[in-house]
Amino acid sequence: MTNNVDEIVFKIAKGFNRVFSDLKGFYVFGIHSDGKLHEDEDIELVALFDVEDKAKREQIWPIIGKIETEMNVGIDLYPYTDKQFQDDEEIYEEATKHGILYDNKGIRK
């Protein structure tokens, strides 16, 4: 198991960028917002896209499942557009105030 969240977000970004051209970035929030992995706790992650729909979700989940297996982690991913993200007030507040922001290449800002 890796010892930090940055490596996992980078791996997700790499996988998403192979398939999607509209990835805007990520927020890691919750217990992992300290940048460290916590055993038996899923990584809570927002992925921001220009478009979010059923077709995209069908492509996202195999990528996430592969990374979960390879890295021995659990990932709770929330794929959103900017508007959907802002409309989910609870997650938006937590992620933007206390989370870690990453760009579309998976690099911490």
N, C-alpha and C. Protein backbone atom coordinates (compact mmCIF):
# COMPACT_ATOMS: atom_id res chain seq x y z
N MET A 1 0.84 -1.18 0.00
CA MET A 1 0.00 0.00 0.00
C MET A 1 0.89 1.25 0.00
N THR A 2 0.52 2.23 -0.81
CA THR A 2 1.25 3.48 -0.85
C THR A 2 1.03 4.25 0.45
N ASN A 3 1.84 5.24 0.71
CA ASN A 3 1.69 5.96 1.98
C ASN A 3 1.15 7.36 1.82
N ASN A 4 0.75 7.76 0.60
CA ASN A 4 0.14 9.08 0.50
C ASN A 4 -0.92 9.16 -0.58
N VAL A 5 -1.76 10.14 -0.41
CA VAL A 5 -2.91 10.35 -1.29
C VAL A 5 -2.46 10.90 -2.64
N ASP A 6 -1.40 11.69 -2.66
CA ASP A 6 -0.94 12.31 -3.91
C ASP A 6 -0.70 11.27 -5.00
N GLU A 7 -0.08 10.16 -4.65
CA GLU A 7 0.22 9.12 -5.62
C GLU A 7 -1.06 8.53 -6.22
N ILE A 8 -2.07 8.36 -5.40
CA ILE A 8 -3.33 7.78 -5.87
C ILE A 8 -4.06 8.77 -6.78
N VAL A 9 -4.12 10.04 -6.39
CA VAL A 9 -4.78 11.04 -7.23
C VAL A 9 -4.05 11.16 -8.57
N PHE A 10 -2.74 11.13 -8.54
CA PHE A 10 -1.96 11.20 -9.78
C PHE A 10 -2.31 10.03 -10.69
N LYS A 11 -2.42 8.85 -10.13
CA LYS A 11 -2.76 7.64 -10.90
C LYS A 11 -4.17 7.75 -11.49
N ILE A 12 -5.12 8.27 -10.71
CA ILE A 12 -6.49 8.46 -11.21
C ILE A 12 -6.49 9.47 -12.36
N ALA A 13 -5.79 10.58 -12.18
CA ALA A 13 -5.73 11.61 -13.22
C ALA A 13 -5.15 11.03 -14.51
N LYS A 14 -4.11 10.24 -14.39
CA LYS A 14 -3.48 9.63 -15.55
C LYS A 14 -4.48 8.73 -16.29
N GLY A 15 -5.23 7.91 -15.52
CA GLY A 15 -6.24 7.05 -16.13
C GLY A 15 -7.37 7.83 -16.77
N PHE A 16 -7.85 8.86 -16.09
CA PHE A 16 -8.94 9.67 -16.63
C PHE A 16 -8.50 10.42 -17.89
N ASN A 17 -7.29 10.96 -17.88
CA ASN A 17 -6.83 11.74 -19.03
C ASN A 17 -6.64 10.90 -20.28
N ARG A 18 -6.50 9.60 -20.13
CA ARG A 18 -6.44 8.71 -21.30
C ARG A 18 -7.79 8.61 -21.99
N VAL A 19 -8.87 8.81 -21.21
CA VAL A 19 -10.22 8.59 -21.72
C VAL A 19 -11.00 9.89 -21.93
N PHE A 20 -10.78 10.87 -21.07
CA PHE A 20 -11.58 12.10 -21.07
C PHE A 20 -10.73 13.32 -21.41
N SER A 21 -11.30 14.22 -22.18
CA SER A 21 -10.59 15.46 -22.53
C SER A 21 -11.06 16.64 -21.69
N ASP A 22 -12.05 16.42 -20.83
CA ASP A 22 -12.63 17.55 -20.10
C ASP A 22 -12.43 17.50 -18.58
N LEU A 23 -11.45 16.73 -18.13
CA LEU A 23 -11.15 16.68 -16.69
C LEU A 23 -10.56 18.02 -16.27
N LYS A 24 -11.14 18.60 -15.19
CA LYS A 24 -10.70 19.92 -14.73
C LYS A 24 -9.83 19.84 -13.48
N GLY A 25 -10.05 18.84 -12.65
CA GLY A 25 -9.27 18.72 -11.43
C GLY A 25 -9.99 17.90 -10.38
N PHE A 26 -9.41 17.91 -9.18
CA PHE A 26 -9.91 17.08 -8.08
C PHE A 26 -9.86 17.83 -6.77
N TYR A 27 -10.68 17.39 -5.85
CA TYR A 27 -10.57 17.75 -4.43
C TYR A 27 -10.56 16.45 -3.63
N VAL A 28 -9.63 16.31 -2.73
CA VAL A 28 -9.66 15.25 -1.73
C VAL A 28 -10.18 15.90 -0.46
N PHE A 29 -11.15 15.27 0.18
CA PHE A 29 -11.71 15.85 1.40
C PHE A 29 -11.94 14.76 2.43
N GLY A 30 -12.41 15.16 3.58
CA GLY A 30 -12.64 14.20 4.65
C GLY A 30 -11.35 13.90 5.39
N ILE A 31 -11.27 12.72 5.97
CA ILE A 31 -10.14 12.34 6.81
C ILE A 31 -8.80 12.38 6.07
N HIS A 32 -8.83 12.17 4.76
CA HIS A 32 -7.58 12.15 3.98
C HIS A 32 -7.12 13.55 3.56
N SER A 33 -7.81 14.58 3.99
CA SER A 33 -7.39 15.94 3.62
C SER A 33 -6.09 16.34 4.30
N ASP A 34 -5.55 15.46 5.12
CA ASP A 34 -4.20 15.71 5.66
C ASP A 34 -3.13 15.16 4.71
N GLY A 35 -3.55 14.55 3.60
CA GLY A 35 -2.62 14.04 2.60
C GLY A 35 -2.08 12.65 2.88
N LYS A 36 -2.47 12.07 4.00
CA LYS A 36 -2.00 10.74 4.37
C LYS A 36 -3.13 9.72 4.23
N LEU A 37 -2.75 8.48 4.01
CA LEU A 37 -3.74 7.42 3.97
C LEU A 37 -4.05 6.96 5.38
N HIS A 38 -5.30 6.65 5.60
CA HIS A 38 -5.76 6.15 6.89
C HIS A 38 -6.37 4.78 6.65
N GLU A 39 -5.78 3.78 7.25
CA GLU A 39 -6.19 2.40 7.04
C GLU A 39 -7.68 2.23 7.30
N ASP A 40 -8.31 1.46 6.44
CA ASP A 40 -9.74 1.13 6.53
C ASP A 40 -10.66 2.33 6.36
N GLU A 41 -10.16 3.41 5.77
CA GLU A 41 -10.98 4.59 5.47
C GLU A 41 -10.90 4.87 3.97
N ASP A 42 -12.05 5.02 3.32
CA ASP A 42 -12.06 5.33 1.90
C ASP A 42 -11.59 6.76 1.65
N ILE A 43 -10.95 6.95 0.52
CA ILE A 43 -10.55 8.29 0.10
C ILE A 43 -11.77 8.96 -0.54
N GLU A 44 -12.16 10.10 -0.01
CA GLU A 44 -13.29 10.85 -0.57
C GLU A 44 -12.72 11.85 -1.56
N LEU A 45 -13.21 11.75 -2.80
CA LEU A 45 -12.61 12.48 -3.90
C LEU A 45 -13.69 13.04 -4.83
N VAL A 46 -13.61 14.33 -5.12
CA VAL A 46 -14.44 14.96 -6.13
C VAL A 46 -13.61 15.07 -7.40
N ALA A 47 -14.16 14.65 -8.53
CA ALA A 47 -13.54 14.84 -9.83
C ALA A 47 -14.43 15.81 -10.61
N LEU A 48 -13.84 16.89 -11.10
CA LEU A 48 -14.59 17.91 -11.82
C LEU A 48 -14.39 17.77 -13.32
N PHE A 49 -15.52 17.78 -14.04
CA PHE A 49 -15.54 17.65 -15.49
C PHE A 49 -16.40 18.75 -16.09
N ASP A 50 -16.20 19.02 -17.38
CA ASP A 50 -17.10 19.93 -18.08
C ASP A 50 -18.47 19.28 -18.26
N VAL A 51 -18.47 17.97 -18.52
CA VAL A 51 -19.71 17.21 -18.72
C VAL A 51 -19.67 16.00 -17.79
N GLU A 52 -20.79 15.72 -17.13
CA GLU A 52 -20.90 14.53 -16.28
C GLU A 52 -22.22 13.87 -16.64
N ASP A 53 -22.15 12.62 -17.08
CA ASP A 53 -23.37 11.91 -17.47
C ASP A 53 -23.17 10.41 -17.29
N LYS A 54 -24.21 9.66 -17.62
CA LYS A 54 -24.18 8.21 -17.42
C LYS A 54 -23.06 7.55 -18.23
N ALA A 55 -22.87 7.98 -19.44
CA ALA A 55 -21.82 7.39 -20.28
C ALA A 55 -20.44 7.59 -19.65
N LYS A 56 -20.22 8.75 -19.09
CA LYS A 56 -18.93 9.01 -18.46
C LYS A 56 -18.78 8.16 -17.20
N ARG A 57 -19.82 8.06 -16.40
CA ARG A 57 -19.75 7.23 -15.18
C ARG A 57 -19.44 5.78 -15.52
N GLU A 58 -20.00 5.28 -16.63
CA GLU A 58 -19.73 3.91 -17.03
C GLU A 58 -18.25 3.70 -17.38
N GLN A 59 -17.57 4.75 -17.79
CA GLN A 59 -16.14 4.66 -18.09
C GLN A 59 -15.28 4.91 -16.86
N ILE A 60 -15.80 5.69 -15.92
CA ILE A 60 -15.05 6.04 -14.71
C ILE A 60 -14.85 4.83 -13.81
N TRP A 61 -15.91 4.08 -13.56
CA TRP A 61 -15.85 3.06 -12.51
C TRP A 61 -14.86 1.94 -12.77
N PRO A 62 -14.66 1.49 -14.00
CA PRO A 62 -13.60 0.48 -14.21
C PRO A 62 -12.19 1.04 -13.89
N ILE A 63 -11.97 2.31 -14.19
CA ILE A 63 -10.67 2.93 -13.89
C ILE A 63 -10.46 2.97 -12.38
N ILE A 64 -11.49 3.41 -11.66
CA ILE A 64 -11.40 3.51 -10.19
C ILE A 64 -11.22 2.11 -9.59
N GLY A 65 -11.99 1.15 -10.07
CA GLY A 65 -11.89 -0.22 -9.54
C GLY A 65 -10.50 -0.81 -9.72
N LYS A 66 -9.89 -0.55 -10.87
CA LYS A 66 -8.55 -1.06 -11.13
C LYS A 66 -7.54 -0.43 -10.16
N ILE A 67 -7.66 0.87 -9.94
CA ILE A 67 -6.74 1.56 -9.03
C ILE A 67 -6.96 1.11 -7.59
N GLU A 68 -8.22 0.92 -7.19
CA GLU A 68 -8.50 0.42 -5.84
C GLU A 68 -7.81 -0.92 -5.62
N THR A 69 -7.89 -1.79 -6.61
CA THR A 69 -7.28 -3.11 -6.50
C THR A 69 -5.76 -3.02 -6.49
N GLU A 70 -5.20 -2.27 -7.42
CA GLU A 70 -3.74 -2.14 -7.51
C GLU A 70 -3.13 -1.49 -6.27
N MET A 71 -3.81 -0.48 -5.74
CA MET A 71 -3.24 0.32 -4.64
C MET A 71 -3.76 -0.13 -3.27
N ASN A 72 -4.68 -1.09 -3.26
CA ASN A 72 -5.25 -1.60 -2.02
C ASN A 72 -5.88 -0.49 -1.18
N VAL A 73 -6.75 0.30 -1.84
CA VAL A 73 -7.46 1.39 -1.18
C VAL A 73 -8.93 1.37 -1.60
N GLY A 74 -9.74 2.07 -0.84
CA GLY A 74 -11.12 2.31 -1.22
C GLY A 74 -11.25 3.76 -1.64
N ILE A 75 -12.01 4.01 -2.70
CA ILE A 75 -12.19 5.37 -3.21
C ILE A 75 -13.68 5.66 -3.35
N ASP A 76 -14.13 6.72 -2.69
CA ASP A 76 -15.49 7.23 -2.88
C ASP A 76 -15.38 8.43 -3.80
N LEU A 77 -15.70 8.23 -5.08
CA LEU A 77 -15.54 9.28 -6.07
C LEU A 77 -16.89 9.94 -6.36
N TYR A 78 -16.86 11.26 -6.41
CA TYR A 78 -18.03 12.06 -6.76
C TYR A 78 -17.70 12.79 -8.07
N PRO A 79 -18.16 12.30 -9.22
CA PRO A 79 -17.92 13.01 -10.48
C PRO A 79 -18.96 14.11 -10.65
N TYR A 80 -18.50 15.33 -10.83
CA TYR A 80 -19.39 16.48 -10.92
C TYR A 80 -18.96 17.43 -12.02
N THR A 81 -19.92 18.23 -12.50
CA THR A 81 -19.61 19.47 -13.21
C THR A 81 -19.46 20.53 -12.12
N ASP A 82 -18.98 21.71 -12.49
CA ASP A 82 -18.87 22.78 -11.50
C ASP A 82 -20.22 23.08 -10.84
N LYS A 83 -21.28 23.14 -11.66
CA LYS A 83 -22.62 23.44 -11.11
C LYS A 83 -23.10 22.35 -10.17
N GLN A 84 -22.94 21.10 -10.55
CA GLN A 84 -23.36 20.00 -9.68
C GLN A 84 -22.60 20.04 -8.36
N PHE A 85 -21.32 20.34 -8.44
CA PHE A 85 -20.48 20.43 -7.25
C PHE A 85 -20.99 21.54 -6.32
N GLN A 86 -21.25 22.70 -6.86
CA GLN A 86 -21.75 23.82 -6.05
C GLN A 86 -23.13 23.53 -5.48
N ASP A 87 -23.95 22.80 -6.23
CA ASP A 87 -25.30 22.46 -5.77
C ASP A 87 -25.29 21.46 -4.62
N ASP A 88 -24.25 20.66 -4.50
CA ASP A 88 -24.12 19.72 -3.38
C ASP A 88 -23.42 20.46 -2.24
N GLU A 89 -24.19 21.27 -1.55
CA GLU A 89 -23.64 22.23 -0.58
C GLU A 89 -22.75 21.60 0.48
N GLU A 90 -23.13 20.44 0.99
CA GLU A 90 -22.36 19.81 2.07
C GLU A 90 -20.96 19.40 1.58
N ILE A 91 -20.91 18.71 0.46
CA ILE A 91 -19.61 18.29 -0.07
C ILE A 91 -18.81 19.50 -0.56
N TYR A 92 -19.47 20.46 -1.20
CA TYR A 92 -18.79 21.65 -1.69
C TYR A 92 -18.11 22.40 -0.55
N GLU A 93 -18.85 22.60 0.52
CA GLU A 93 -18.31 23.31 1.69
C GLU A 93 -17.11 22.57 2.28
N GLU A 94 -17.25 21.28 2.50
CA GLU A 94 -16.17 20.47 3.09
C GLU A 94 -14.94 20.46 2.18
N ALA A 95 -15.15 20.21 0.89
CA ALA A 95 -14.02 20.07 -0.04
C ALA A 95 -13.30 21.39 -0.27
N THR A 96 -14.04 22.47 -0.46
CA THR A 96 -13.38 23.74 -0.78
C THR A 96 -12.75 24.40 0.43
N LYS A 97 -13.29 24.17 1.60
CA LYS A 97 -12.74 24.81 2.81
C LYS A 97 -11.64 24.00 3.47
N HIS A 98 -11.78 22.67 3.43
CA HIS A 98 -10.85 21.83 4.19
C HIS A 98 -10.11 20.79 3.34
N GLY A 99 -10.45 20.71 2.06
CA GLY A 99 -9.86 19.69 1.21
C GLY A 99 -8.57 20.12 0.55
N ILE A 100 -8.01 19.18 -0.23
CA ILE A 100 -6.80 19.43 -1.00
C ILE A 100 -7.21 19.53 -2.47
N LEU A 101 -6.77 20.60 -3.14
CA LEU A 101 -7.07 20.81 -4.55
C LEU A 101 -5.93 20.26 -5.41
N TYR A 102 -6.30 19.54 -6.47
CA TYR A 102 -5.36 19.01 -7.45
C TYR A 102 -5.77 19.49 -8.83
N ASP A 103 -4.80 19.69 -9.72
CA ASP A 103 -5.14 20.09 -11.09
C ASP A 103 -5.53 18.85 -11.89
N ASN A 104 -5.79 19.05 -13.19
CA ASN A 104 -6.26 17.94 -14.02
C ASN A 104 -5.18 16.89 -14.32
N LYS A 105 -3.95 17.16 -13.95
CA LYS A 105 -2.87 16.18 -14.10
C LYS A 105 -2.62 15.42 -12.79
N GLY A 106 -3.39 15.77 -11.76
CA GLY A 106 -3.23 15.09 -10.47
C GLY A 106 -2.11 15.67 -9.61
N ILE A 107 -1.75 16.92 -9.87
CA ILE A 107 -0.69 17.60 -9.11
C ILE A 107 -1.35 18.52 -8.08
N ARG A 108 -0.89 18.40 -6.85
CA ARG A 108 -1.45 19.20 -5.76
C ARG A 108 -1.17 20.69 -6.00
N LYS A 109 -2.20 21.51 -5.81
CA LYS A 109 -2.08 22.96 -6.00
C LYS A 109 -1.64 23.64 -4.72
